[in-house]
Each structure stands twice: as structure tokens, then as C-alpha cells.
Protein backbone atom coordinates (compact mmCIF):
# COMPACT_ATOMS: atom_id res chain seq x y z
CA MET A 1 -2.48 5.47 3.53
CA LEU A 2 -4.42 2.27 3.20
CA ALA A 3 -5.43 -0.81 5.14
CA ASN A 4 -4.94 -4.29 3.66
CA THR A 5 -7.55 -3.78 0.98
CA PRO A 6 -7.67 -4.61 -2.73
CA GLU A 7 -6.72 -0.97 -3.44
CA MET A 8 -3.46 -1.40 -1.49
CA PHE A 9 -2.71 -4.59 -3.43
CA GLU A 10 -3.45 -2.83 -6.74
CA CYS A 11 -1.16 0.05 -5.83
CA HIS A 12 1.79 -2.35 -5.59
CA PHE A 13 1.45 -2.83 -9.34
CA GLY A 14 -0.29 0.27 -10.67
CA VAL A 15 1.99 2.86 -9.06
CA PRO A 16 5.27 1.39 -10.42
CA MET A 17 3.59 0.72 -13.78
CA ALA A 18 2.72 4.43 -13.92
CA GLY A 19 6.44 5.20 -13.52
CA ALA A 20 6.05 6.39 -9.93
CA VAL A 21 7.46 5.21 -6.60
CA LEU A 22 5.07 3.59 -4.10
CA ASN A 23 5.33 4.74 -0.46
CA THR A 24 3.13 2.57 1.74
CA LEU A 25 2.42 4.44 4.97
CA ASN A 26 2.15 2.78 8.37
CA THR A 27 -1.45 3.38 9.46
CA ARG A 28 -0.43 3.15 13.14
CA LEU A 29 1.81 6.22 13.08
CA ASP A 30 0.88 9.73 14.18
CA ALA A 31 0.30 12.70 11.90
CA GLU A 32 3.76 14.15 12.54
CA ALA A 33 5.52 10.98 11.34
CA ILE A 34 3.23 10.70 8.29
CA ALA A 35 3.85 14.36 7.42
CA PHE A 36 7.61 13.78 7.66
CA MET A 37 7.38 10.80 5.28
CA LEU A 38 5.21 12.65 2.78
CA GLU A 39 7.52 15.65 2.78
CA HIS A 40 10.78 13.70 2.78
CA GLY A 41 9.54 11.41 0.00
CA GLU A 42 8.23 14.40 -1.99
CA ALA A 43 4.81 12.79 -2.40
CA LYS A 44 2.84 14.01 -5.40
CA VAL A 45 -0.24 11.82 -4.86
CA LEU A 46 -1.69 10.35 -1.67
CA ILE A 47 -4.25 7.55 -1.79
CA ALA A 48 -6.01 7.54 1.57
CA ASP A 49 -8.67 5.36 3.15
CA ARG A 50 -11.49 7.24 4.85
CA GLU A 51 -10.68 5.44 8.13
CA PHE A 52 -7.43 7.40 8.37
CA SER A 53 -8.80 10.80 7.34
CA GLY A 54 -8.13 12.34 10.75
CA THR A 55 -4.43 11.48 10.73
CA VAL A 56 -4.11 12.28 7.02
CA GLY A 57 -5.84 15.65 7.45
CA ARG A 58 -3.50 16.65 10.27
CA SER A 59 -0.51 15.46 8.22
CA LEU A 60 -1.57 17.48 5.18
CA ALA A 61 -2.03 20.59 7.34
CA ALA A 62 1.65 20.38 8.30
CA LEU A 63 2.91 20.21 4.69
CA LYS A 64 4.05 23.14 2.56
CA ALA A 65 3.50 21.25 -0.71
CA LYS A 66 0.33 19.20 -0.52
CA PRO A 67 -0.10 16.08 -2.67
CA PHE A 68 -3.17 15.38 -4.78
CA VAL A 69 -5.39 13.23 -2.51
CA ILE A 70 -7.44 10.31 -3.80
CA ASP A 71 -10.05 8.89 -1.40
CA VAL A 72 -10.77 5.21 -0.87
CA ASP A 73 -14.23 4.67 0.61
CA ASP A 74 -14.16 0.94 1.30
CA PRO A 75 -17.68 -0.50 1.71
CA GLU A 76 -16.24 -2.98 4.26
CA TYR A 77 -15.51 -0.05 6.59
CA SER A 78 -18.47 1.45 8.46
CA GLY A 79 -16.63 3.50 11.09
CA ALA A 80 -15.84 7.18 11.43
CA GLY A 81 -13.96 9.17 8.83
CA GLU A 82 -14.61 11.39 5.89
CA ARG A 83 -13.51 11.87 2.32
CA ILE A 84 -10.88 14.59 2.22
CA GLY A 85 -9.51 14.17 -1.30
CA SER A 86 -10.11 15.72 -4.69
CA ALA A 87 -10.95 12.40 -6.36
CA GLU A 88 -12.49 9.04 -5.49
CA TYR A 89 -10.31 5.96 -6.18
CA GLU A 90 -12.69 3.90 -8.35
CA SER A 91 -13.65 6.95 -10.45
CA PHE A 92 -10.02 7.96 -10.80
CA ILE A 93 -9.05 4.45 -11.99
CA ALA A 94 -12.04 4.27 -14.35
CA GLY A 95 -10.88 7.55 -15.95
CA GLY A 96 -7.54 6.02 -16.93
CA ASP A 97 -6.46 5.01 -20.40
CA PRO A 98 -7.09 1.27 -20.89
CA GLU A 99 -4.54 1.32 -23.72
CA TYR A 100 -1.77 2.84 -21.57
CA ALA A 101 1.49 1.17 -22.58
CA TRP A 102 3.42 0.88 -19.34
CA LYS A 103 7.14 0.30 -19.33
CA PRO A 104 9.24 -1.38 -16.69
CA PRO A 105 11.94 0.77 -15.06
CA ALA A 106 14.82 1.49 -17.44
CA ASP A 107 17.26 0.08 -14.90
CA GLU A 108 16.37 -2.85 -12.64
CA TRP A 109 17.98 -1.01 -9.72
CA ASN A 110 15.67 2.02 -9.99
CA ALA A 111 13.39 2.31 -6.98
CA ILE A 112 9.77 1.21 -7.27
CA SER A 113 8.96 1.65 -3.59
CA LEU A 114 9.99 3.83 -0.67
CA ASN A 115 9.67 2.24 2.77
CA TYR A 116 10.14 3.96 6.10
CA THR A 117 10.82 2.65 9.58
CA SER A 118 8.43 3.72 12.32
CA GLY A 119 10.86 6.33 13.63
CA THR A 120 10.41 5.23 17.24
CA THR A 121 13.82 6.57 18.27
CA ALA A 122 14.20 9.45 15.80
CA THR A 123 12.74 10.57 12.48
CA PRO A 124 11.79 7.63 10.23
CA ARG A 125 14.51 6.13 8.03
CA CYS A 126 13.83 4.88 4.52
CA GLY A 127 14.82 2.09 2.15
CA LEU A 128 14.32 1.82 -1.59
CA PRO A 129 13.32 -1.61 -2.96
CA SER A 130 13.93 -2.09 -6.68
CA PRO A 131 12.85 -4.68 -9.24
CA GLY A 132 16.34 -6.17 -8.86
CA ARG A 133 15.49 -6.83 -5.21
CA LEU A 134 12.34 -8.66 -6.16
CA SER A 135 14.37 -11.87 -6.30
CA GLU A 136 13.16 -11.99 -2.68
CA CYS A 137 9.88 -13.17 -4.19
CA ASP A 138 11.66 -16.26 -5.51
CA LEU A 139 13.13 -16.84 -2.06
CA HIS A 140 9.65 -16.73 -0.49
CA ILE A 141 8.38 -19.31 -2.94
CA VAL A 142 11.29 -21.69 -2.32
CA THR A 143 11.73 -21.11 1.42
CA TRP A 144 8.05 -21.38 2.26
CA GLY A 145 7.46 -24.24 -0.20
CA MET A 146 4.63 -22.29 -1.77
CA PRO A 147 2.80 -24.13 -4.55
CA GLN A 148 1.79 -22.44 -7.77
CA HIS A 149 -1.73 -20.95 -7.58
CA ALA A 150 -1.64 -20.70 -3.77
CA VAL A 151 -4.38 -18.74 -1.97
CA TYR A 152 -3.08 -16.10 0.42
CA LEU A 153 -4.79 -14.46 3.42
CA TRP A 154 -3.20 -11.12 4.25
CA THR A 155 -2.34 -11.00 7.93
CA LEU A 156 0.86 -9.00 7.54
CA PRO A 157 0.23 -5.29 6.89
CA MET A 158 1.25 -4.38 3.35
CA PHE A 159 2.83 -1.20 4.72
CA HIS A 160 5.53 -3.36 6.38
CA CYS A 161 8.21 -3.51 3.66
CA ASN A 162 5.48 -3.96 1.07
CA GLY A 163 4.12 -6.94 2.99
CA TRP A 164 7.64 -8.44 2.76
CA CYS A 165 7.22 -8.44 -1.04
CA PHE A 166 4.28 -10.85 -0.90
CA PRO A 167 2.09 -8.83 -3.29
CA TRP A 168 4.72 -9.45 -5.97
CA THR A 169 5.36 -13.02 -4.76
CA MET A 170 1.70 -13.93 -5.15
CA ALA A 171 1.59 -12.43 -8.65
CA ALA A 172 4.71 -14.40 -9.62
CA MET A 173 2.93 -17.56 -8.42
CA GLN A 174 -0.23 -16.71 -10.38
CA ALA A 175 -2.25 -16.82 -7.17
CA PRO A 176 -5.96 -17.12 -7.99
CA MET A 177 -6.93 -15.26 -4.82
CA CYS A 178 -5.37 -12.93 -2.29
CA ALA A 179 -7.84 -12.38 0.54
CA CYS A 180 -7.35 -8.79 1.63
CA ALA A 181 -8.62 -8.14 5.14
CA ARG A 182 -8.77 -4.60 6.61
CA SER A 183 -7.88 -6.25 9.90
CA THR A 184 -7.48 -9.91 10.67
CA ARG A 185 -9.61 -9.53 13.80
CA SER A 186 -12.62 -8.32 11.79
CA TRP A 187 -11.98 -10.85 9.01
CA PHE A 188 -11.96 -13.82 11.40
CA SER A 189 -14.92 -12.60 13.45
CA THR A 190 -17.19 -12.12 10.41
CA ARG A 191 -16.21 -15.35 8.73
CA CYS A 192 -15.42 -17.71 11.60
CA GLY A 193 -17.44 -16.32 14.52
CA SER A 194 -14.21 -15.79 16.46
CA THR A 195 -11.87 -12.93 17.25
CA ALA A 196 -8.78 -15.16 17.34
């Protein structure tokens, strides 16, 4: 459960490369909805930003099988929240095997991500994007007239259908920079002196 941070961007690649399925969680939902998604999706690992520790803690309390929790303590965030996991993200990543030989999914239609609706009218519903669906990235490039090496400012939450596939689109375009902002309001106010 992450904001639009570099860790969220990295998860769009690292999780599928580890042979797992990424489930980006909507940070605006309540603990009950998050618990449903974690249980329904059979989450084994949860990467959670300290900002959302209250919701995550209540969600975990409702689960029979609890996932392994990895904390993200983003230095850009100075608000309330605590580490509730068994590992810290940067240390966990540093402990990985730099020689790990990842393999793409055996079948291009195997899921690499699990996305849920907000569940505003019932329990959340899910969809399963696959590498075969990533042709949407090509459509973004053509439809939006995006030049190679474009710079991208994240204003769309990456938990919304994986940021409409833009993490993968930007990688396909060899983007030199993706500016990840926890919230666009804070990003604009610290850089532009405005809250627009």
C-alpha cells in the first residue's frame, strides 16, 4: 500500500520479475476493503508506506493468514504513522541477489497484476492485466504522441489500474525521468509555491 513513490514504480517491475503478481492497493479505501483485497488475492507479501500504517494495521488484524509486511519509510513523508512490518524496504532490496536471473511469464496471458475496483456498491471486483495486455503501452505512446525519452510527472495514482499502464509505457519509451510525487498538491507547493 504505497503512494506515488519510487518504491511503487519499482514494484511494477520487481514484483512481476520475481514471478509474483502485483496488487496495487487504493490508499483511499478503508481497512475493511483492504482486508478483503488482501484475503481475496491471497497476498503473501505487503509493502506498506508508513503513512498508511493505521489502515494497514486494522486490515491485518482482520486477516486469518497475514502476509509478510515490508515497511517503506519515505523521507519525503513527515506525518504520522509507524513501521509495522518485519523488514524495511531498502534493506530488503539490498539483501537480494544481484545475479538473480528473472524470467518473463511462461505465457503472455499469465497475470502480472491484480487490480480491484473501489467496491463502492459491493465488495471490490478485480481484473488481471497480463503482459499480453501491455500493448496498451503502445497505444498510449501513439495516442498521446509521446516522444521517446519523455519526462513524466505522476499525477495519476499508480493504484488506479497500475497508473493506466504508464509505469510500463514510460519504460518502453526509455524515459530518463519519472517524477514520483506522494501527492501532486505537496509536489506543486514545494516546487512551485502553489497548491494548484
